PDB file of all heavy atoms in Angstrom:
ATOM      1  N   ALA A   1      -4.008  -0.472   4.792  1.00  0.00           N
ATOM      2  CA  ALA A   1      -4.401   0.199   3.517  1.00  0.00           C
ATOM      3  C   ALA A   1      -3.540  -0.366   2.424  1.00  0.00           C
ATOM      4  O   ALA A   1      -4.065  -0.500   1.398  1.00  0.00           O
ATOM      5  CB  ALA A   1      -4.194   1.696   3.704  1.00  0.00           C
ATOM      6  N   ALA A   2      -2.205  -0.523   2.665  1.00  0.00           N
ATOM      7  CA  ALA A   2      -1.427  -1.089   1.562  1.00  0.00           C
ATOM      8  C   ALA A   2      -1.789  -2.427   1.165  1.00  0.00           C
ATOM      9  O   ALA A   2      -1.806  -2.822  -0.008  1.00  0.00           O
ATOM     10  CB  ALA A   2       0.081  -1.016   1.980  1.00  0.00           C
ATOM     11  N   ASN A   3      -2.243  -3.355   2.125  1.00  0.00           N
ATOM     12  CA  ASN A   3      -2.606  -4.607   1.821  1.00  0.00           C
ATOM     13  C   ASN A   3      -4.019  -4.588   1.161  1.00  0.00           C
ATOM     14  O   ASN A   3      -4.236  -5.513   0.180  1.00  0.00           O
ATOM     15  CB  ASN A   3      -2.644  -5.495   3.059  1.00  0.00           C
ATOM     16  CG  ASN A   3      -1.250  -5.874   3.534  1.00  0.00           C
ATOM     17  OD1 ASN A   3      -0.617  -6.807   2.837  1.00  0.00           O
ATOM     18  ND2 ASN A   3      -0.761  -5.307   4.530  1.00  0.00           N
ATOM     19  N   VAL A   4      -4.899  -3.819   1.481  1.00  0.00           N
ATOM     20  CA  VAL A   4      -6.269  -3.722   0.843  1.00  0.00           C
ATOM     21  C   VAL A   4      -5.920  -3.230  -0.583  1.00  0.00           C
ATOM     22  O   VAL A   4      -6.717  -3.736  -1.534  1.00  0.00           O
ATOM     23  CB  VAL A   4      -7.092  -2.630   1.511  1.00  0.00           C
ATOM     24  CG1 VAL A   4      -8.335  -2.405   0.633  1.00  0.00           C
ATOM     25  CG2 VAL A   4      -7.582  -3.192   2.867  1.00  0.00           C
ATOM     26  N   PHE A   5      -5.036  -2.500  -0.930  1.00  0.00           N
ATOM     27  CA  PHE A   5      -4.591  -2.198  -2.245  1.00  0.00           C
ATOM     28  C   PHE A   5      -4.300  -3.476  -3.035  1.00  0.00           C
ATOM     29  O   PHE A   5      -4.695  -3.717  -4.224  1.00  0.00           O
ATOM     30  CB  PHE A   5      -3.390  -1.228  -2.441  1.00  0.00           C
ATOM     31  CG  PHE A   5      -3.154  -0.838  -3.830  1.00  0.00           C
ATOM     32  CD1 PHE A   5      -3.661   0.323  -4.417  1.00  0.00           C
ATOM     33  CD2 PHE A   5      -2.257  -1.586  -4.656  1.00  0.00           C
ATOM     34  CE1 PHE A   5      -3.321   0.645  -5.770  1.00  0.00           C
ATOM     35  CE2 PHE A   5      -2.003  -1.330  -5.829  1.00  0.00           C
ATOM     36  CZ  PHE A   5      -2.477  -0.138  -6.453  1.00  0.00           C
ATOM     37  N   LEU A   6      -3.439  -4.370  -2.466  1.00  0.00           N
ATOM     38  CA  LEU A   6      -3.164  -5.733  -3.095  1.00  0.00           C
ATOM     39  C   LEU A   6      -4.435  -6.481  -3.439  1.00  0.00           C
ATOM     40  O   LEU A   6      -4.644  -7.125  -4.419  1.00  0.00           O
ATOM     41  CB  LEU A   6      -2.218  -6.511  -2.155  1.00  0.00           C
ATOM     42  CG  LEU A   6      -0.865  -5.893  -1.834  1.00  0.00           C
ATOM     43  CD1 LEU A   6       0.044  -6.959  -1.168  1.00  0.00           C
ATOM     44  CD2 LEU A   6      -0.186  -5.265  -3.111  1.00  0.00           C
ATOM     45  N   ASP A   7      -5.368  -6.545  -2.401  1.00  0.00           N
ATOM     46  CA  ASP A   7      -6.552  -7.263  -2.725  1.00  0.00           C
ATOM     47  C   ASP A   7      -7.397  -6.605  -3.843  1.00  0.00           C
ATOM     48  O   ASP A   7      -7.894  -7.385  -4.710  1.00  0.00           O
ATOM     49  CB  ASP A   7      -7.572  -7.157  -1.405  1.00  0.00           C
ATOM     50  CG  ASP A   7      -6.766  -7.660  -0.161  1.00  0.00           C
ATOM     51  OD1 ASP A   7      -5.919  -8.490  -0.358  1.00  0.00           O
ATOM     52  OD2 ASP A   7      -7.277  -7.364   0.934  1.00  0.00           O
ATOM     53  N   ALA A   8      -7.373  -5.301  -3.989  1.00  0.00           N
ATOM     54  CA  ALA A   8      -8.155  -4.647  -5.065  1.00  0.00           C
ATOM     55  C   ALA A   8      -7.392  -4.869  -6.357  1.00  0.00           C
ATOM     56  O   ALA A   8      -8.025  -4.990  -7.427  1.00  0.00           O
ATOM     57  CB  ALA A   8      -8.183  -3.174  -4.811  1.00  0.00           C
ATOM     58  N   LEU A   9      -6.020  -4.915  -6.352  1.00  0.00           N
ATOM     59  CA  LEU A   9      -5.217  -5.208  -7.563  1.00  0.00           C
ATOM     60  C   LEU A   9      -5.582  -6.647  -8.153  1.00  0.00           C
ATOM     61  O   LEU A   9      -5.666  -6.799  -9.335  1.00  0.00           O
ATOM     62  CB  LEU A   9      -3.819  -5.065  -7.322  1.00  0.00           C
ATOM     63  CG  LEU A   9      -2.755  -5.348  -8.490  1.00  0.00           C
ATOM     64  CD1 LEU A   9      -3.130  -4.352  -9.624  1.00  0.00           C
ATOM     65  CD2 LEU A   9      -1.436  -5.210  -8.050  1.00  0.00           C
ATOM     66  N   ALA A  10      -5.804  -7.628  -7.222  1.00  0.00           N
ATOM     67  CA  ALA A  10      -6.047  -8.922  -7.593  1.00  0.00           C
ATOM     68  C   ALA A  10      -7.477  -8.945  -8.464  1.00  0.00           C
ATOM     69  O   ALA A  10      -7.529  -9.507  -9.531  1.00  0.00           O
ATOM     70  CB  ALA A  10      -6.174  -9.886  -6.475  1.00  0.00           C
ATOM     71  N   HIS A  11      -8.424  -8.148  -7.881  1.00  0.00           N
ATOM     72  CA  HIS A  11      -9.745  -7.960  -8.547  1.00  0.00           C
ATOM     73  C   HIS A  11      -9.518  -7.376  -9.862  1.00  0.00           C
ATOM     74  O   HIS A  11     -10.166  -7.754 -10.868  1.00  0.00           O
ATOM     75  CB  HIS A  11     -10.734  -7.346  -7.711  1.00  0.00           C
ATOM     76  CG  HIS A  11     -11.292  -8.063  -6.509  1.00  0.00           C
ATOM     77  ND1 HIS A  11     -12.282  -9.059  -6.689  1.00  0.00           N
ATOM     78  CD2 HIS A  11     -10.906  -8.099  -5.231  1.00  0.00           C
ATOM     79  CE1 HIS A  11     -12.514  -9.614  -5.508  1.00  0.00           C
ATOM     80  NE2 HIS A  11     -11.834  -9.030  -4.572  1.00  0.00           N
ATOM     81  N   HIS A  12      -8.752  -6.305  -9.921  1.00  0.00           N
ATOM     82  CA  HIS A  12      -8.576  -5.578 -11.100  1.00  0.00           C
ATOM     83  C   HIS A  12      -7.987  -6.468 -12.220  1.00  0.00           C
ATOM     84  O   HIS A  12      -8.414  -6.466 -13.322  1.00  0.00           O
ATOM     85  CB  HIS A  12      -7.563  -4.346 -10.872  1.00  0.00           C
ATOM     86  CG  HIS A  12      -7.152  -3.632 -12.031  1.00  0.00           C
ATOM     87  ND1 HIS A  12      -8.030  -2.703 -12.720  1.00  0.00           N
ATOM     88  CD2 HIS A  12      -6.038  -3.587 -12.832  1.00  0.00           C
ATOM     89  CE1 HIS A  12      -7.432  -2.113 -13.764  1.00  0.00           C
ATOM     90  NE2 HIS A  12      -6.141  -2.690 -13.757  1.00  0.00           N
ATOM     91  N   ARG A  13      -6.957  -7.156 -11.872  1.00  0.00           N
ATOM     92  CA  ARG A  13      -6.242  -8.121 -12.894  1.00  0.00           C
ATOM     93  C   ARG A  13      -7.292  -9.163 -13.377  1.00  0.00           C
ATOM     94  O   ARG A  13      -7.414  -9.354 -14.573  1.00  0.00           O
ATOM     95  CB  ARG A  13      -4.992  -8.809 -12.246  1.00  0.00           C
ATOM     96  CG  ARG A  13      -3.876  -7.822 -11.981  1.00  0.00           C
ATOM     97  CD  ARG A  13      -2.674  -8.675 -11.440  1.00  0.00           C
ATOM     98  NE  ARG A  13      -2.358  -9.812 -12.190  1.00  0.00           N
ATOM     99  CZ  ARG A  13      -1.406  -9.859 -13.230  1.00  0.00           C
ATOM    100  NH1 ARG A  13      -0.835  -8.769 -13.574  1.00  0.00           N
ATOM    101  NH2 ARG A  13      -1.238 -10.983 -13.935  1.00  0.00           N
ATOM    102  N   ARG A  14      -8.077  -9.763 -12.556  1.00  0.00           N
ATOM    103  CA  ARG A  14      -8.975 -10.788 -12.955  1.00  0.00           C
ATOM    104  C   ARG A  14     -10.039 -10.204 -13.868  1.00  0.00           C
ATOM    105  O   ARG A  14     -10.565 -10.757 -14.761  1.00  0.00           O
ATOM    106  CB  ARG A  14      -9.562 -11.465 -11.751  1.00  0.00           C
ATOM    107  CG  ARG A  14      -8.500 -12.379 -10.994  1.00  0.00           C
ATOM    108  CD  ARG A  14      -9.075 -12.877  -9.710  1.00  0.00           C
ATOM    109  NE  ARG A  14     -10.157 -13.843  -9.846  1.00  0.00           N
ATOM    110  CZ  ARG A  14      -9.924 -15.164  -9.898  1.00  0.00           C
ATOM    111  NH1 ARG A  14      -8.602 -15.624  -9.782  1.00  0.00           N
ATOM    112  NH2 ARG A  14     -10.887 -16.051 -10.090  1.00  0.00           N
ATOM    113  N   ALA A  15     -10.445  -8.880 -13.599  1.00  0.00           N
ATOM    114  CA  ALA A  15     -11.385  -8.227 -14.379  1.00  0.00           C
ATOM    115  C   ALA A  15     -10.921  -8.058 -15.787  1.00  0.00           C
ATOM    116  O   ALA A  15     -11.735  -7.903 -16.804  1.00  0.00           O
ATOM    117  CB  ALA A  15     -11.864  -6.913 -13.825  1.00  0.00           C
ATOM    118  N   HIS A  16      -9.575  -8.032 -15.971  1.00  0.00           N
ATOM    119  CA  HIS A  16      -8.977  -7.833 -17.260  1.00  0.00           C
ATOM    120  C   HIS A  16      -8.397  -9.074 -17.830  1.00  0.00           C
ATOM    121  O   HIS A  16      -7.515  -9.100 -18.752  1.00  0.00           O
ATOM    122  CB  HIS A  16      -7.852  -6.830 -17.193  1.00  0.00           C
ATOM    123  CG  HIS A  16      -8.395  -5.408 -17.043  1.00  0.00           C
ATOM    124  ND1 HIS A  16      -8.875  -4.868 -15.859  1.00  0.00           N
ATOM    125  CD2 HIS A  16      -8.608  -4.350 -17.917  1.00  0.00           C
ATOM    126  CE1 HIS A  16      -9.284  -3.617 -15.985  1.00  0.00           C
ATOM    127  NE2 HIS A  16      -9.128  -3.339 -17.175  1.00  0.00           N
ATOM    128  N   GLY A  17      -8.886 -10.223 -17.268  1.00  0.00           N
ATOM    129  CA  GLY A  17      -8.488 -11.550 -17.899  1.00  0.00           C
ATOM    130  C   GLY A  17      -7.100 -11.979 -17.404  1.00  0.00           C
ATOM    131  O   GLY A  17      -6.584 -12.920 -18.121  1.00  0.00           O
ATOM    132  N   LEU A  18      -6.553 -11.484 -16.459  1.00  0.00           N
ATOM    133  CA  LEU A  18      -5.208 -11.866 -15.964  1.00  0.00           C
ATOM    134  C   LEU A  18      -5.294 -12.598 -14.753  1.00  0.00           C
ATOM    135  O   LEU A  18      -6.161 -12.362 -13.879  1.00  0.00           O
ATOM    136  CB  LEU A  18      -4.274 -10.606 -15.778  1.00  0.00           C
ATOM    137  CG  LEU A  18      -4.102  -9.625 -16.992  1.00  0.00           C
ATOM    138  CD1 LEU A  18      -3.390  -8.321 -16.456  1.00  0.00           C
ATOM    139  CD2 LEU A  18      -3.300 -10.333 -18.008  1.00  0.00           C
ATOM    140  N   PRO A  19      -4.360 -13.532 -14.507  1.00  0.00           N
ATOM    141  CA  PRO A  19      -4.389 -14.309 -13.376  1.00  0.00           C
ATOM    142  C   PRO A  19      -3.966 -13.512 -12.100  1.00  0.00           C
ATOM    143  O   PRO A  19      -3.167 -12.730 -12.203  1.00  0.00           O
ATOM    144  CB  PRO A  19      -3.316 -15.462 -13.582  1.00  0.00           C
ATOM    145  CG  PRO A  19      -2.383 -14.795 -14.495  1.00  0.00           C
ATOM    146  CD  PRO A  19      -3.242 -13.974 -15.367  1.00  0.00           C
ATOM    147  N   ALA A  20      -4.638 -13.742 -10.838  1.00  0.00           N
ATOM    148  CA  ALA A  20      -4.304 -13.080  -9.774  1.00  0.00           C
ATOM    149  C   ALA A  20      -5.058 -13.750  -8.539  1.00  0.00           C
ATOM    150  O   ALA A  20      -6.180 -14.173  -8.594  1.00  0.00           O
ATOM    151  CB  ALA A  20      -4.722 -11.534  -9.775  1.00  0.00           C
ATOM    152  N   ALA A  21      -4.274 -13.792  -7.404  1.00  0.00           N
ATOM    153  CA  ALA A  21      -4.829 -14.264  -6.166  1.00  0.00           C
ATOM    154  C   ALA A  21      -4.183 -13.472  -5.038  1.00  0.00           C
ATOM    155  O   ALA A  21      -3.001 -13.556  -4.984  1.00  0.00           O
ATOM    156  CB  ALA A  21      -4.674 -15.701  -6.034  1.00  0.00           C
ATOM    157  N   SER A  22      -4.926 -12.833  -4.289  1.00  0.00           N
ATOM    158  CA  SER A  22      -4.367 -12.130  -3.103  1.00  0.00           C
ATOM    159  C   SER A  22      -4.750 -13.030  -1.898  1.00  0.00           C
ATOM    160  O   SER A  22      -5.906 -13.433  -1.555  1.00  0.00           O
ATOM    161  CB  SER A  22      -5.060 -10.703  -2.907  1.00  0.00           C
ATOM    162  OG  SER A  22      -4.424  -9.984  -1.897  1.00  0.00           O
ATOM    163  N   LEU A  23      -3.665 -13.251  -1.090  1.00  0.00           N
ATOM    164  CA  LEU A  23      -3.799 -14.036   0.127  1.00  0.00           C
ATOM    165  C   LEU A  23      -3.628 -13.258   1.362  1.00  0.00           C
ATOM    166  O   LEU A  23      -2.488 -12.700   1.659  1.00  0.00           O
ATOM    167  CB  LEU A  23      -2.866 -15.260   0.091  1.00  0.00           C
ATOM    168  CG  LEU A  23      -2.985 -16.387  -0.937  1.00  0.00           C
ATOM    169  CD1 LEU A  23      -2.489 -15.882  -2.272  1.00  0.00           C
ATOM    170  CD2 LEU A  23      -2.315 -17.600  -0.460  1.00  0.00           C
ATOM    171  N   ALA A  24      -4.661 -13.024   2.171  1.00  0.00           N
ATOM    172  CA  ALA A  24      -4.551 -12.221   3.308  1.00  0.00           C
ATOM    173  C   ALA A  24      -4.186 -13.105   4.504  1.00  0.00           C
ATOM    174  O   ALA A  24      -5.020 -13.533   5.262  1.00  0.00           O
ATOM    175  CB  ALA A  24      -5.945 -11.533   3.580  1.00  0.00           C
ATOM    176  N   TRP A  25      -2.891 -13.288   4.633  1.00  0.00           N
ATOM    177  CA  TRP A  25      -2.313 -14.114   5.617  1.00  0.00           C
ATOM    178  C   TRP A  25      -2.527 -13.663   7.059  1.00  0.00           C
ATOM    179  O   TRP A  25      -2.510 -12.531   7.409  1.00  0.00           O
ATOM    180  CB  TRP A  25      -0.736 -14.326   5.396  1.00  0.00           C
ATOM    181  CG  TRP A  25      -0.442 -15.058   4.083  1.00  0.00           C
ATOM    182  CD1 TRP A  25       0.079 -14.446   3.048  1.00  0.00           C
ATOM    183  CD2 TRP A  25      -0.442 -16.455   3.839  1.00  0.00           C
ATOM    184  NE1 TRP A  25       0.315 -15.340   1.996  1.00  0.00           N
ATOM    185  CE2 TRP A  25       0.007 -16.604   2.540  1.00  0.00           C
ATOM    186  CE3 TRP A  25      -0.877 -17.555   4.609  1.00  0.00           C
ATOM    187  CZ2 TRP A  25       0.106 -17.872   1.973  1.00  0.00           C
ATOM    188  CZ3 TRP A  25      -0.786 -18.778   4.004  1.00  0.00           C
ATOM    189  CH2 TRP A  25      -0.331 -18.934   2.724  1.00  0.00           C
ATOM    190  N   GLY A  26      -2.686 -14.729   7.997  1.00  0.00           N
ATOM    191  CA  GLY A  26      -2.492 -14.487   9.343  1.00  0.00           C
ATOM    192  C   GLY A  26      -1.105 -14.629   9.793  1.00  0.00           C
ATOM    193  O   GLY A  26      -0.200 -14.658   8.926  1.00  0.00           O
ATOM    194  N   LEU A  27      -0.956 -14.692  11.144  1.00  0.00           N
ATOM    195  CA  LEU A  27       0.504 -14.783  11.642  1.00  0.00           C
ATOM    196  C   LEU A  27       1.129 -16.165  11.287  1.00  0.00           C
ATOM    197  O   LEU A  27       0.476 -17.202  11.344  1.00  0.00           O
ATOM    198  CB  LEU A  27       0.453 -14.665  13.173  1.00  0.00           C
ATOM    199  CG  LEU A  27       1.764 -14.676  13.865  1.00  0.00           C
ATOM    200  CD1 LEU A  27       2.627 -13.549  13.475  1.00  0.00           C
ATOM    201  CD2 LEU A  27       1.487 -14.758  15.476  1.00  0.00           C
ATOM    202  N   TRP A  28       2.359 -16.117  10.878  1.00  0.00           N
ATOM    203  CA  TRP A  28       3.131 -17.426  10.640  1.00  0.00           C
ATOM    204  C   TRP A  28       3.926 -17.692  11.855  1.00  0.00           C
ATOM    205  O   TRP A  28       4.443 -16.788  12.542  1.00  0.00           O
ATOM    206  CB  TRP A  28       4.070 -17.161   9.422  1.00  0.00           C
ATOM    207  CG  TRP A  28       3.389 -17.246   8.150  1.00  0.00           C
ATOM    208  CD1 TRP A  28       2.455 -16.450   7.674  1.00  0.00           C
ATOM    209  CD2 TRP A  28       3.599 -18.249   7.094  1.00  0.00           C
ATOM    210  NE1 TRP A  28       2.015 -16.921   6.387  1.00  0.00           N
ATOM    211  CE2 TRP A  28       2.734 -17.960   6.046  1.00  0.00           C
ATOM    212  CE3 TRP A  28       4.546 -19.356   6.969  1.00  0.00           C
ATOM    213  CZ2 TRP A  28       2.802 -18.701   4.774  1.00  0.00           C
ATOM    214  CZ3 TRP A  28       4.587 -20.075   5.810  1.00  0.00           C
ATOM    215  CH2 TRP A  28       3.562 -19.781   4.765  1.00  0.00           C
ATOM    216  N   GLU A  29       4.096 -18.914  12.138  1.00  0.00           N
ATOM    217  CA  GLU A  29       4.903 -19.397  13.275  1.00  0.00           C
ATOM    218  C   GLU A  29       6.412 -19.071  13.081  1.00  0.00           C
ATOM    219  O   GLU A  29       7.018 -18.633  14.099  1.00  0.00           O
ATOM    220  CB  GLU A  29       4.683 -20.995  13.394  1.00  0.00           C
ATOM    221  CG  GLU A  29       5.115 -21.602  14.655  1.00  0.00           C
ATOM    222  CD  GLU A  29       4.736 -23.078  14.704  1.00  0.00           C
ATOM    223  OE1 GLU A  29       5.425 -23.921  13.976  1.00  0.00           O
ATOM    224  OE2 GLU A  29       3.716 -23.415  15.339  1.00  0.00           O
ATOM    225  N   GLN A  30       6.920 -19.291  11.970  1.00  0.00           N
ATOM    226  CA  GLN A  30       8.367 -19.005  11.723  1.00  0.00           C
ATOM    227  C   GLN A  30       8.577 -17.521  11.710  1.00  0.00           C
ATOM    228  O   GLN A  30       7.903 -16.832  10.953  1.00  0.00           O
ATOM    229  CB  GLN A  30       8.769 -19.584  10.526  1.00  0.00           C
ATOM    230  CG  GLN A  30      10.299 -19.490  10.099  1.00  0.00           C
ATOM    231  CD  GLN A  30      10.730 -20.161   8.919  1.00  0.00           C
ATOM    232  OE1 GLN A  30      10.041 -21.177   8.438  1.00  0.00           O
ATOM    233  NE2 GLN A  30      11.822 -19.878   8.295  1.00  0.00           N
ATOM    234  N   ALA A  31       9.404 -16.995  12.496  1.00  0.00           N
ATOM    235  CA  ALA A  31       9.730 -15.525  12.598  1.00  0.00           C
ATOM    236  C   ALA A  31      10.351 -15.094  11.263  1.00  0.00           C
ATOM    237  O   ALA A  31      11.249 -15.730  10.703  1.00  0.00           O
ATOM    238  CB  ALA A  31      10.581 -15.262  13.799  1.00  0.00           C
TER     239      ALA A  31
END
C-alpha cells in the first residue's frame, strides 16, 4: 500500500507539470 502511494504521487506530480518517475523495483542482488 505504501509503495502504491508512491506510484500515485508520481502521477499526481506529472499532472501538475512536475517531474516524477516511480520505479517499482524487483529484488536486488546486493543485500
